[in-house]
Amino acid sequence: QHRWTSFIDALPPKGSKTLNATIKVSDPGKIMGGRTIELFAYADA
């Protein structure tokens, strides 16, 4: 699942932009504590 998305209108050659996000993972019972999860960031997702 894509937990967060953001648009960039344009980016020049050699240009860059830093994106900040808060990823929310549902865990009502808090049973995932201690686990390691993998997040993947996509440019042009």
PDB file of all heavy atoms in Angstrom:
ATOM      1  N   GLN A   1       0.814  -1.205   0.000  1.00  0.00           N
ATOM      2  CA  GLN A   1       0.000   0.000   0.000  1.00  0.00           C
ATOM      3  C   GLN A   1       0.851   1.259   0.000  1.00  0.00           C
ATOM      4  O   GLN A   1       1.858   1.341   0.710  1.00  0.00           O
ATOM      5  CB  GLN A   1      -0.934   0.031   1.217  1.00  0.00           C
ATOM      6  CG  GLN A   1      -1.986  -1.058   1.215  1.00  0.00           C
ATOM      7  CD  GLN A   1      -2.960  -0.898   2.369  1.00  0.00           C
ATOM      8  OE1 GLN A   1      -2.721  -0.115   3.290  1.00  0.00           O
ATOM      9  NE2 GLN A   1      -4.040  -1.630   2.341  1.00  0.00           N
ATOM     10  N   HIS A   2       0.441   2.227  -0.820  1.00  0.00           N
ATOM     11  CA  HIS A   2       1.065   3.545  -0.798  1.00  0.00           C
ATOM     12  C   HIS A   2       0.468   4.324   0.365  1.00  0.00           C
ATOM     13  O   HIS A   2      -0.694   4.722   0.336  1.00  0.00           O
ATOM     14  CB  HIS A   2       0.825   4.275  -2.119  1.00  0.00           C
ATOM     15  CG  HIS A   2       1.521   3.638  -3.280  1.00  0.00           C
ATOM     16  ND1 HIS A   2       2.798   3.973  -3.680  1.00  0.00           N
ATOM     17  CD2 HIS A   2       1.124   2.661  -4.129  1.00  0.00           C
ATOM     18  CE1 HIS A   2       3.148   3.237  -4.722  1.00  0.00           C
ATOM     19  NE2 HIS A   2       2.146   2.425  -5.012  1.00  0.00           N
ATOM     20  N   ARG A   3       1.258   4.528   1.408  1.00  0.00           N
ATOM     21  CA  ARG A   3       0.763   5.153   2.635  1.00  0.00           C
ATOM     22  C   ARG A   3       0.808   6.682   2.571  1.00  0.00           C
ATOM     23  O   ARG A   3       0.227   7.349   3.418  1.00  0.00           O
ATOM     24  CB  ARG A   3       1.616   4.695   3.827  1.00  0.00           C
ATOM     25  CG  ARG A   3       1.624   3.190   4.017  1.00  0.00           C
ATOM     26  CD  ARG A   3       0.363   2.716   4.698  1.00  0.00           C
ATOM     27  NE  ARG A   3       0.392   1.269   4.911  1.00  0.00           N
ATOM     28  CZ  ARG A   3      -0.464   0.608   5.647  1.00  0.00           C
ATOM     29  NH1 ARG A   3      -1.441   1.255   6.247  1.00  0.00           N
ATOM     30  NH2 ARG A   3      -0.394  -0.705   5.764  1.00  0.00           N
ATOM     31  N   TRP A   4       1.521   7.222   1.593  1.00  0.00           N
ATOM     32  CA  TRP A   4       1.672   8.676   1.516  1.00  0.00           C
ATOM     33  C   TRP A   4       2.060   9.037   0.090  1.00  0.00           C
ATOM     34  O   TRP A   4       2.813   8.321  -0.560  1.00  0.00           O
ATOM     35  CB  TRP A   4       2.768   9.121   2.487  1.00  0.00           C
ATOM     36  CG  TRP A   4       3.105  10.574   2.441  1.00  0.00           C
ATOM     37  CD1 TRP A   4       2.520  11.588   3.145  1.00  0.00           C
ATOM     38  CD2 TRP A   4       4.140  11.195   1.656  1.00  0.00           C
ATOM     39  NE1 TRP A   4       3.102  12.786   2.837  1.00  0.00           N
ATOM     40  CE2 TRP A   4       4.111  12.571   1.922  1.00  0.00           C
ATOM     41  CE3 TRP A   4       5.073  10.711   0.742  1.00  0.00           C
ATOM     42  CZ2 TRP A   4       4.992  13.469   1.326  1.00  0.00           C
ATOM     43  CZ3 TRP A   4       5.944  11.598   0.140  1.00  0.00           C
ATOM     44  CH2 TRP A   4       5.898  12.958   0.430  1.00  0.00           C
ATOM     45  N   THR A   5       1.488  10.123  -0.422  1.00  0.00           N
ATOM     46  CA  THR A   5       1.851  10.612  -1.755  1.00  0.00           C
ATOM     47  C   THR A   5       2.035  12.106  -1.718  1.00  0.00           C
ATOM     48  O   THR A   5       1.455  12.811  -0.878  1.00  0.00           O
ATOM     49  CB  THR A   5       0.774  10.278  -2.805  1.00  0.00           C
ATOM     50  OG1 THR A   5      -0.466  10.881  -2.405  1.00  0.00           O
ATOM     51  CG2 THR A   5       0.586   8.782  -2.961  1.00  0.00           C
ATOM     52  N   SER A   6       2.848  12.603  -2.637  1.00  0.00           N
ATOM     53  CA  SER A   6       3.068  14.044  -2.753  1.00  0.00           C
ATOM     54  C   SER A   6       3.469  14.356  -4.188  1.00  0.00           C
ATOM     55  O   SER A   6       4.172  13.565  -4.839  1.00  0.00           O
ATOM     56  CB  SER A   6       4.184  14.500  -1.801  1.00  0.00           C
ATOM     57  OG  SER A   6       4.419  15.893  -1.933  1.00  0.00           O
ATOM     58  N   PHE A   7       3.016  15.506  -4.682  1.00  0.00           N
ATOM     59  CA  PHE A   7       3.292  15.895  -6.061  1.00  0.00           C
ATOM     60  C   PHE A   7       4.429  16.916  -6.129  1.00  0.00           C
ATOM     61  O   PHE A   7       4.559  17.784  -5.270  1.00  0.00           O
ATOM     62  CB  PHE A   7       2.037  16.492  -6.713  1.00  0.00           C
ATOM     63  CG  PHE A   7       0.937  15.511  -6.909  1.00  0.00           C
ATOM     64  CD1 PHE A   7      -0.097  15.407  -5.999  1.00  0.00           C
ATOM     65  CD2 PHE A   7       0.933  14.661  -8.006  1.00  0.00           C
ATOM     66  CE1 PHE A   7      -1.116  14.489  -6.179  1.00  0.00           C
ATOM     67  CE2 PHE A   7      -0.073  13.740  -8.189  1.00  0.00           C
ATOM     68  CZ  PHE A   7      -1.098  13.654  -7.274  1.00  0.00           C
ATOM     69  N   ILE A   8       5.252  16.805  -7.161  1.00  0.00           N
ATOM     70  CA  ILE A   8       6.231  17.834  -7.516  1.00  0.00           C
ATOM     71  C   ILE A   8       5.853  18.333  -8.907  1.00  0.00           C
ATOM     72  O   ILE A   8       5.700  17.538  -9.831  1.00  0.00           O
ATOM     73  CB  ILE A   8       7.671  17.277  -7.514  1.00  0.00           C
ATOM     74  CG1 ILE A   8       8.077  16.857  -6.094  1.00  0.00           C
ATOM     75  CG2 ILE A   8       8.652  18.317  -8.056  1.00  0.00           C
ATOM     76  CD1 ILE A   8       9.468  16.254  -6.012  1.00  0.00           C
ATOM     77  N   ASP A   9       5.664  19.629  -9.049  1.00  0.00           N
ATOM     78  CA  ASP A   9       5.178  20.171 -10.319  1.00  0.00           C
ATOM     79  C   ASP A   9       6.228  20.097 -11.426  1.00  0.00           C
ATOM     80  O   ASP A   9       5.910  19.843 -12.575  1.00  0.00           O
ATOM     81  CB  ASP A   9       4.735  21.627 -10.143  1.00  0.00           C
ATOM     82  CG  ASP A   9       3.395  21.713  -9.419  1.00  0.00           C
ATOM     83  OD1 ASP A   9       2.638  20.739  -9.490  1.00  0.00           O
ATOM     84  OD2 ASP A   9       3.130  22.742  -8.784  1.00  0.00           O
ATOM     85  N   ALA A  10       7.480  20.342 -11.108  1.00  0.00           N
ATOM     86  CA  ALA A  10       8.543  20.309 -12.123  1.00  0.00           C
ATOM     87  C   ALA A  10       9.880  20.225 -11.405  1.00  0.00           C
ATOM     88  O   ALA A  10      10.002  20.595 -10.242  1.00  0.00           O
ATOM     89  CB  ALA A  10       8.495  21.551 -13.006  1.00  0.00           C
ATOM     90  N   LEU A  11      10.894  19.727 -12.130  1.00  0.00           N
ATOM     91  CA  LEU A  11      12.225  19.604 -11.550  1.00  0.00           C
ATOM     92  C   LEU A  11      13.245  19.805 -12.661  1.00  0.00           C
ATOM     93  O   LEU A  11      13.280  19.032 -13.623  1.00  0.00           O
ATOM     94  CB  LEU A  11      12.388  18.217 -10.909  1.00  0.00           C
ATOM     95  CG  LEU A  11      13.361  18.075  -9.732  1.00  0.00           C
ATOM     96  CD1 LEU A  11      12.995  19.025  -8.606  1.00  0.00           C
ATOM     97  CD2 LEU A  11      13.338  16.655  -9.210  1.00  0.00           C
ATOM     98  N   PRO A  12      14.106  20.841 -12.567  1.00  0.00           N
ATOM     99  CA  PRO A  12      15.074  21.109 -13.634  1.00  0.00           C
ATOM    100  C   PRO A  12      16.194  20.077 -13.636  1.00  0.00           C
ATOM    101  O   PRO A  12      16.340  19.298 -12.687  1.00  0.00           O
ATOM    102  CB  PRO A  12      15.608  22.491 -13.262  1.00  0.00           C
ATOM    103  CG  PRO A  12      15.475  22.564 -11.778  1.00  0.00           C
ATOM    104  CD  PRO A  12      14.208  21.807 -11.463  1.00  0.00           C
ATOM    105  N   PRO A  13      17.003  20.034 -14.702  1.00  0.00           N
ATOM    106  CA  PRO A  13      18.158  19.138 -14.716  1.00  0.00           C
ATOM    107  C   PRO A  13      19.058  19.389 -13.505  1.00  0.00           C
ATOM    108  O   PRO A  13      19.309  20.533 -13.137  1.00  0.00           O
ATOM    109  CB  PRO A  13      18.873  19.482 -16.026  1.00  0.00           C
ATOM    110  CG  PRO A  13      17.825  20.123 -16.872  1.00  0.00           C
ATOM    111  CD  PRO A  13      16.897  20.827 -15.940  1.00  0.00           C
ATOM    112  N   LYS A  14      19.469  18.331 -12.875  1.00  0.00           N
ATOM    113  CA  LYS A  14      20.297  18.364 -11.671  1.00  0.00           C
ATOM    114  C   LYS A  14      19.580  19.002 -10.482  1.00  0.00           C
ATOM    115  O   LYS A  14      20.192  19.296  -9.452  1.00  0.00           O
ATOM    116  CB  LYS A  14      21.629  19.103 -11.921  1.00  0.00           C
ATOM    117  CG  LYS A  14      22.389  18.623 -13.135  1.00  0.00           C
ATOM    118  CD  LYS A  14      22.673  17.133 -13.085  1.00  0.00           C
ATOM    119  CE  LYS A  14      23.422  16.654 -14.337  1.00  0.00           C
ATOM    120  NZ  LYS A  14      23.611  15.189 -14.342  1.00  0.00           N
ATOM    121  N   GLY A  15      18.281  19.215 -10.609  1.00  0.00           N
ATOM    122  CA  GLY A  15      17.502  19.786  -9.513  1.00  0.00           C
ATOM    123  C   GLY A  15      17.054  18.707  -8.539  1.00  0.00           C
ATOM    124  O   GLY A  15      16.982  17.526  -8.868  1.00  0.00           O
ATOM    125  N   SER A  16      16.771  19.120  -7.320  1.00  0.00           N
ATOM    126  CA  SER A  16      16.321  18.170  -6.310  1.00  0.00           C
ATOM    127  C   SER A  16      15.343  18.848  -5.365  1.00  0.00           C
ATOM    128  O   SER A  16      15.294  20.074  -5.274  1.00  0.00           O
ATOM    129  CB  SER A  16      17.508  17.608  -5.522  1.00  0.00           C
ATOM    130  OG  SER A  16      18.130  18.634  -4.759  1.00  0.00           O
ATOM    131  N   LYS A  17      14.573  18.023  -4.677  1.00  0.00           N
ATOM    132  CA  LYS A  17      13.638  18.514  -3.674  1.00  0.00           C
ATOM    133  C   LYS A  17      13.518  17.474  -2.584  1.00  0.00           C
ATOM    134  O   LYS A  17      13.400  16.285  -2.854  1.00  0.00           O
ATOM    135  CB  LYS A  17      12.266  18.788  -4.287  1.00  0.00           C
ATOM    136  CG  LYS A  17      11.267  19.395  -3.310  1.00  0.00           C
ATOM    137  CD  LYS A  17       9.957  19.764  -4.001  1.00  0.00           C
ATOM    138  CE  LYS A  17       8.988  20.394  -3.013  1.00  0.00           C
ATOM    139  NZ  LYS A  17       7.705  20.776  -3.672  1.00  0.00           N
ATOM    140  N   THR A  18      13.570  17.936  -1.335  1.00  0.00           N
ATOM    141  CA  THR A  18      13.438  17.041  -0.198  1.00  0.00           C
ATOM    142  C   THR A  18      11.985  17.014   0.256  1.00  0.00           C
ATOM    143  O   THR A  18      11.355  18.062   0.431  1.00  0.00           O
ATOM    144  CB  THR A  18      14.340  17.475   0.964  1.00  0.00           C
ATOM    145  OG1 THR A  18      15.714  17.408   0.540  1.00  0.00           O
ATOM    146  CG2 THR A  18      14.152  16.567   2.167  1.00  0.00           C
ATOM    147  N   LEU A  19      11.455  15.817   0.413  1.00  0.00           N
ATOM    148  CA  LEU A  19      10.065  15.630   0.822  1.00  0.00           C
ATOM    149  C   LEU A  19      10.026  15.074   2.239  1.00  0.00           C
ATOM    150  O   LEU A  19      10.796  14.169   2.590  1.00  0.00           O
ATOM    151  CB  LEU A  19       9.358  14.666  -0.125  1.00  0.00           C
ATOM    152  CG  LEU A  19       9.324  15.090  -1.598  1.00  0.00           C
ATOM    153  CD1 LEU A  19       8.750  13.973  -2.457  1.00  0.00           C
ATOM    154  CD2 LEU A  19       8.499  16.360  -1.767  1.00  0.00           C
ATOM    155  N   ASN A  20       9.150  15.622   3.058  1.00  0.00           N
ATOM    156  CA  ASN A  20       8.965  15.154   4.425  1.00  0.00           C
ATOM    157  C   ASN A  20       7.593  14.511   4.546  1.00  0.00           C
ATOM    158  O   ASN A  20       6.608  15.016   3.999  1.00  0.00           O
ATOM    159  CB  ASN A  20       9.087  16.309   5.410  1.00  0.00           C
ATOM    160  CG  ASN A  20      10.499  16.858   5.498  1.00  0.00           C
ATOM    161  OD1 ASN A  20      11.338  16.303   6.196  1.00  0.00           O
ATOM    162  ND2 ASN A  20      10.773  17.945   4.793  1.00  0.00           N
ATOM    163  N   ALA A  21       7.529  13.408   5.263  1.00  0.00           N
ATOM    164  CA  ALA A  21       6.266  12.685   5.382  1.00  0.00           C
ATOM    165  C   ALA A  21       6.168  12.039   6.756  1.00  0.00           C
ATOM    166  O   ALA A  21       7.187  11.767   7.403  1.00  0.00           O
ATOM    167  CB  ALA A  21       6.167  11.616   4.299  1.00  0.00           C
ATOM    168  N   THR A  22       4.943  11.819   7.189  1.00  0.00           N
ATOM    169  CA  THR A  22       4.690  11.001   8.372  1.00  0.00           C
ATOM    170  C   THR A  22       3.893   9.785   7.913  1.00  0.00           C
ATOM    171  O   THR A  22       2.766   9.914   7.450  1.00  0.00           O
ATOM    172  CB  THR A  22       3.898  11.781   9.432  1.00  0.00           C
ATOM    173  OG1 THR A  22       4.664  12.906   9.867  1.00  0.00           O
ATOM    174  CG2 THR A  22       3.607  10.888  10.637  1.00  0.00           C
ATOM    175  N   ILE A  23       4.509   8.626   8.009  1.00  0.00           N
ATOM    176  CA  ILE A  23       3.894   7.384   7.559  1.00  0.00           C
ATOM    177  C   ILE A  23       3.121   6.784   8.726  1.00  0.00           C
ATOM    178  O   ILE A  23       3.666   6.604   9.817  1.00  0.00           O
ATOM    179  CB  ILE A  23       4.957   6.390   7.060  1.00  0.00           C
ATOM    180  CG1 ILE A  23       5.897   7.087   6.054  1.00  0.00           C
ATOM    181  CG2 ILE A  23       4.299   5.169   6.452  1.00  0.00           C
ATOM    182  CD1 ILE A  23       5.190   7.738   4.897  1.00  0.00           C
ATOM    183  N   LYS A  24       1.849   6.457   8.484  1.00  0.00           N
ATOM    184  CA  LYS A  24       1.008   5.897   9.531  1.00  0.00           C
ATOM    185  C   LYS A  24       0.699   4.432   9.218  1.00  0.00           C
ATOM    186  O   LYS A  24       0.196   4.135   8.139  1.00  0.00           O
ATOM    187  CB  LYS A  24      -0.278   6.706   9.659  1.00  0.00           C
ATOM    188  CG  LYS A  24      -0.035   8.161  10.080  1.00  0.00           C
ATOM    189  CD  LYS A  24      -1.347   8.932  10.215  1.00  0.00           C
ATOM    190  CE  LYS A  24      -1.072  10.377  10.636  1.00  0.00           C
ATOM    191  NZ  LYS A  24      -2.332  11.145  10.794  1.00  0.00           N
ATOM    192  N   VAL A  25       1.024   3.575  10.166  1.00  0.00           N
ATOM    193  CA  VAL A  25       0.800   2.137  10.009  1.00  0.00           C
ATOM    194  C   VAL A  25      -0.188   1.694  11.078  1.00  0.00           C
ATOM    195  O   VAL A  25       0.083   1.819  12.279  1.00  0.00           O
ATOM    196  CB  VAL A  25       2.116   1.350  10.125  1.00  0.00           C
ATOM    197  CG1 VAL A  25       1.856  -0.142   9.966  1.00  0.00           C
ATOM    198  CG2 VAL A  25       3.118   1.830   9.078  1.00  0.00           C
ATOM    199  N   SER A  26      -1.329   1.176  10.659  1.00  0.00           N
ATOM    200  CA  SER A  26      -2.371   0.783  11.601  1.00  0.00           C
ATOM    201  C   SER A  26      -1.959  -0.454  12.397  1.00  0.00           C
ATOM    202  O   SER A  26      -1.495  -1.442  11.833  1.00  0.00           O
ATOM    203  CB  SER A  26      -3.672   0.513  10.838  1.00  0.00           C
ATOM    204  OG  SER A  26      -4.703   0.136  11.734  1.00  0.00           O
ATOM    205  N   ASP A  27      -2.129  -0.392  13.702  1.00  0.00           N
ATOM    206  CA  ASP A  27      -1.795  -1.509  14.586  1.00  0.00           C
ATOM    207  C   ASP A  27      -2.592  -1.344  15.887  1.00  0.00           C
ATOM    208  O   ASP A  27      -2.024  -1.044  16.946  1.00  0.00           O
ATOM    209  CB  ASP A  27      -0.288  -1.521  14.865  1.00  0.00           C
ATOM    210  CG  ASP A  27       0.151  -2.717  15.706  1.00  0.00           C
ATOM    211  OD1 ASP A  27      -0.607  -3.696  15.784  1.00  0.00           O
ATOM    212  OD2 ASP A  27       1.247  -2.653  16.297  1.00  0.00           O
ATOM    213  N   PRO A  28      -3.927  -1.509  15.822  1.00  0.00           N
ATOM    214  CA  PRO A  28      -4.766  -1.214  16.991  1.00  0.00           C
ATOM    215  C   PRO A  28      -4.343  -1.954  18.257  1.00  0.00           C
ATOM    216  O   PRO A  28      -4.443  -1.415  19.356  1.00  0.00           O
ATOM    217  CB  PRO A  28      -6.167  -1.645  16.529  1.00  0.00           C
ATOM    218  CG  PRO A  28      -6.122  -1.583  15.042  1.00  0.00           C
ATOM    219  CD  PRO A  28      -4.728  -1.963  14.668  1.00  0.00           C
ATOM    220  N   GLY A  29      -3.885  -3.198  18.119  1.00  0.00           N
ATOM    221  CA  GLY A  29      -3.493  -3.971  19.287  1.00  0.00           C
ATOM    222  C   GLY A  29      -2.054  -3.759  19.712  1.00  0.00           C
ATOM    223  O   GLY A  29      -1.596  -4.380  20.672  1.00  0.00           O
ATOM    224  N   LYS A  30      -1.320  -2.934  19.005  1.00  0.00           N
ATOM    225  CA  LYS A  30       0.094  -2.648  19.275  1.00  0.00           C
ATOM    226  C   LYS A  30       0.917  -3.934  19.348  1.00  0.00           C
ATOM    227  O   LYS A  30       1.785  -4.101  20.186  1.00  0.00           O
ATOM    228  CB  LYS A  30       0.236  -1.858  20.570  1.00  0.00           C
ATOM    229  CG  LYS A  30       1.524  -1.023  20.634  1.00  0.00           C
ATOM    230  CD  LYS A  30       1.578  -0.185  21.905  1.00  0.00           C
ATOM    231  CE  LYS A  30       2.859   0.644  21.940  1.00  0.00           C
ATOM    232  NZ  LYS A  30       2.944   1.468  23.169  1.00  0.00           N
ATOM    233  N   ILE A  31       0.590  -4.857  18.427  1.00  0.00           N
ATOM    234  CA  ILE A  31       1.286  -6.148  18.435  1.00  0.00           C
ATOM    235  C   ILE A  31       2.537  -6.132  17.567  1.00  0.00           C
ATOM    236  O   ILE A  31       3.286  -7.103  17.529  1.00  0.00           O
ATOM    237  CB  ILE A  31       0.340  -7.266  17.956  1.00  0.00           C
ATOM    238  CG1 ILE A  31      -0.131  -7.001  16.525  1.00  0.00           C
ATOM    239  CG2 ILE A  31      -0.835  -7.421  18.884  1.00  0.00           C
ATOM    240  CD1 ILE A  31      -0.962  -8.125  15.931  1.00  0.00           C
ATOM    241  N   MET A  32       2.746  -5.021  16.841  1.00  0.00           N
ATOM    242  CA  MET A  32       3.909  -4.956  15.959  1.00  0.00           C
ATOM    243  C   MET A  32       5.140  -4.383  16.641  1.00  0.00           C
ATOM    244  O   MET A  32       6.202  -4.270  16.027  1.00  0.00           O
ATOM    245  CB  MET A  32       3.565  -4.112  14.716  1.00  0.00           C
ATOM    246  CG  MET A  32       2.489  -4.721  13.835  1.00  0.00           C
ATOM    247  SD  MET A  32       2.005  -3.647  12.460  1.00  0.00           S
ATOM    248  CE  MET A  32       3.546  -3.545  11.548  1.00  0.00           C
ATOM    249  N   GLY A  33       4.986  -4.001  17.920  1.00  0.00           N
ATOM    250  CA  GLY A  33       6.130  -3.456  18.638  1.00  0.00           C
ATOM    251  C   GLY A  33       7.324  -4.395  18.609  1.00  0.00           C
ATOM    252  O   GLY A  33       7.191  -5.597  18.820  1.00  0.00           O
ATOM    253  N   GLY A  34       8.496  -3.858  18.344  1.00  0.00           N
ATOM    254  CA  GLY A  34       9.707  -4.653  18.270  1.00  0.00           C
ATOM    255  C   GLY A  34      10.017  -5.200  16.895  1.00  0.00           C
ATOM    256  O   GLY A  34      11.117  -5.675  16.652  1.00  0.00           O
ATOM    257  N   ARG A  35       9.048  -5.141  15.982  1.00  0.00           N
ATOM    258  CA  ARG A  35       9.281  -5.666  14.640  1.00  0.00           C
ATOM    259  C   ARG A  35      10.005  -4.648  13.765  1.00  0.00           C
ATOM    260  O   ARG A  35       9.917  -3.442  13.973  1.00  0.00           O
ATOM    261  CB  ARG A  35       7.964  -6.040  13.967  1.00  0.00           C
ATOM    262  CG  ARG A  35       7.199  -7.152  14.654  1.00  0.00           C
ATOM    263  CD  ARG A  35       5.982  -7.536  13.836  1.00  0.00           C
ATOM    264  NE  ARG A  35       5.114  -8.483  14.533  1.00  0.00           N
ATOM    265  CZ  ARG A  35       3.996  -8.967  14.020  1.00  0.00           C
ATOM    266  NH1 ARG A  35       3.612  -8.608  12.809  1.00  0.00           N
ATOM    267  NH2 ARG A  35       3.258  -9.802  14.720  1.00  0.00           N
ATOM    268  N   THR A  36      10.672  -5.149  12.771  1.00  0.00           N
ATOM    269  CA  THR A  36      11.317  -4.298  11.764  1.00  0.00           C
ATOM    270  C   THR A  36      10.477  -4.344  10.499  1.00  0.00           C
ATOM    271  O   THR A  36      10.153  -5.428  10.001  1.00  0.00           O
ATOM    272  CB  THR A  36      12.744  -4.781  11.461  1.00  0.00           C
ATOM    273  OG1 THR A  36      13.532  -4.679  12.656  1.00  0.00           O
ATOM    274  CG2 THR A  36      13.377  -3.927  10.370  1.00  0.00           C
ATOM    275  N   ILE A  37      10.101  -3.178  10.013  1.00  0.00           N
ATOM    276  CA  ILE A  37       9.301  -3.104   8.794  1.00  0.00           C
ATOM    277  C   ILE A  37      10.090  -2.365   7.717  1.00  0.00           C
ATOM    278  O   ILE A  37      10.986  -1.573   8.016  1.00  0.00           O
ATOM    279  CB  ILE A  37       7.945  -2.414   9.023  1.00  0.00           C
ATOM    280  CG1 ILE A  37       8.148  -0.981   9.514  1.00  0.00           C
ATOM    281  CG2 ILE A  37       7.097  -3.194  10.010  1.00  0.00           C
ATOM    282  CD1 ILE A  37       6.835  -0.205   9.624  1.00  0.00           C
ATOM    283  N   GLU A  38       9.768  -2.647   6.476  1.00  0.00           N
ATOM    284  CA  GLU A  38      10.449  -2.037   5.347  1.00  0.00           C
ATOM    285  C   GLU A  38       9.564  -0.969   4.715  1.00  0.00           C
ATOM    286  O   GLU A  38       8.382  -1.214   4.440  1.00  0.00           O
ATOM    287  CB  GLU A  38      10.821  -3.087   4.301  1.00  0.00           C
ATOM    288  CG  GLU A  38      11.858  -4.083   4.770  1.00  0.00           C
ATOM    289  CD  GLU A  38      12.230  -5.084   3.681  1.00  0.00           C
ATOM    290  OE1 GLU A  38      11.453  -5.206   2.704  1.00  0.00           O
ATOM    291  OE2 GLU A  38      13.287  -5.734   3.799  1.00  0.00           O
ATOM    292  N   LEU A  39      10.139   0.202   4.481  1.00  0.00           N
ATOM    293  CA  LEU A  39       9.466   1.294   3.789  1.00  0.00           C
ATOM    294  C   LEU A  39      10.194   1.527   2.468  1.00  0.00           C
ATOM    295  O   LEU A  39      11.439   1.428   2.407  1.00  0.00           O
ATOM    296  CB  LEU A  39       9.492   2.582   4.613  1.00  0.00           C
ATOM    297  CG  LEU A  39       8.511   2.731   5.786  1.00  0.00           C
ATOM    298  CD1 LEU A  39       8.799   1.716   6.879  1.00  0.00           C
ATOM    299  CD2 LEU A  39       8.593   4.138   6.358  1.00  0.00           C
ATOM    300  N   PHE A  40       9.451   1.837   1.432  1.00  0.00           N
ATOM    301  CA  PHE A  40      10.052   2.119   0.132  1.00  0.00           C
ATOM    302  C   PHE A  40       9.589   3.491  -0.349  1.00  0.00           C
ATOM    303  O   PHE A  40       8.386   3.764  -0.424  1.00  0.00           O
ATOM    304  CB  PHE A  40       9.663   1.053  -0.893  1.00  0.00           C
ATOM    305  CG  PHE A  40      10.244  -0.300  -0.612  1.00  0.00           C
ATOM    306  CD1 PHE A  40       9.535  -1.229   0.147  1.00  0.00           C
ATOM    307  CD2 PHE A  40      11.505  -0.633  -1.075  1.00  0.00           C
ATOM    308  CE1 PHE A  40      10.064  -2.477   0.425  1.00  0.00           C
ATOM    309  CE2 PHE A  40      12.051  -1.888  -0.806  1.00  0.00           C
ATOM    310  CZ  PHE A  40      11.334  -2.805  -0.059  1.00  0.00           C
ATOM    311  N   ALA A  41      10.544   4.351  -0.630  1.00  0.00           N
ATOM    312  CA  ALA A  41      10.250   5.678  -1.180  1.00  0.00           C
ATOM    313  C   ALA A  41      10.397   5.614  -2.690  1.00  0.00           C
ATOM    314  O   ALA A  41      11.389   5.084  -3.205  1.00  0.00           O
ATOM    315  CB  ALA A  41      11.199   6.717  -0.599  1.00  0.00           C
ATOM    316  N   TYR A  42       9.404   6.141  -3.405  1.00  0.00           N
ATOM    317  CA  TYR A  42       9.411   6.134  -4.866  1.00  0.00           C
ATOM    318  C   TYR A  42       9.465   7.565  -5.400  1.00  0.00           C
ATOM    319  O   TYR A  42       8.676   8.416  -4.981  1.00  0.00           O
ATOM    320  CB  TYR A  42       8.152   5.468  -5.417  1.00  0.00           C
ATOM    321  CG  TYR A  42       8.116   3.972  -5.310  1.00  0.00           C
ATOM    322  CD1 TYR A  42       7.654   3.346  -4.172  1.00  0.00           C
ATOM    323  CD2 TYR A  42       8.550   3.180  -6.371  1.00  0.00           C
ATOM    324  CE1 TYR A  42       7.610   1.970  -4.074  1.00  0.00           C
ATOM    325  CE2 TYR A  42       8.510   1.792  -6.291  1.00  0.00           C
ATOM    326  CZ  TYR A  42       8.040   1.196  -5.144  1.00  0.00           C
ATOM    327  OH  TYR A  42       8.002  -0.169  -5.065  1.00  0.00           O
ATOM    328  N   ALA A  43      10.383   7.815  -6.322  1.00  0.00           N
ATOM    329  CA  ALA A  43      10.342   9.023  -7.130  1.00  0.00           C
ATOM    330  C   ALA A  43       9.615   8.678  -8.414  1.00  0.00           C
ATOM    331  O   ALA A  43       9.921   7.673  -9.043  1.00  0.00           O
ATOM    332  CB  ALA A  43      11.760   9.514  -7.438  1.00  0.00           C
ATOM    333  N   ASP A  44       8.649   9.501  -8.819  1.00  0.00           N
ATOM    334  CA  ASP A  44       7.799   9.194  -9.971  1.00  0.00           C
ATOM    335  C   ASP A  44       7.128   7.847  -9.736  1.00  0.00           C
ATOM    336  O   ASP A  44       7.334   6.884 -10.459  1.00  0.00           O
ATOM    337  CB  ASP A  44       8.604   9.198 -11.262  1.00  0.00           C
ATOM    338  CG  ASP A  44       7.720   9.167 -12.506  1.00  0.00           C
ATOM    339  OD1 ASP A  44       6.576   9.649 -12.411  1.00  0.00           O
ATOM    340  OD2 ASP A  44       8.153   8.676 -13.555  1.00  0.00           O
ATOM    341  N   ALA A  45       6.302   7.797  -8.687  1.00  0.00           N
ATOM    342  CA  ALA A  45       5.732   6.544  -8.207  1.00  0.00           C
ATOM    343  C   ALA A  45       4.700   5.973  -9.173  1.00  0.00           C
ATOM    344  O   ALA A  45       4.055   6.711  -9.906  1.00  0.00           O
ATOM    345  CB  ALA A  45       5.084   6.768  -6.844  1.00  0.00           C
TER     346      ALA A  45
END
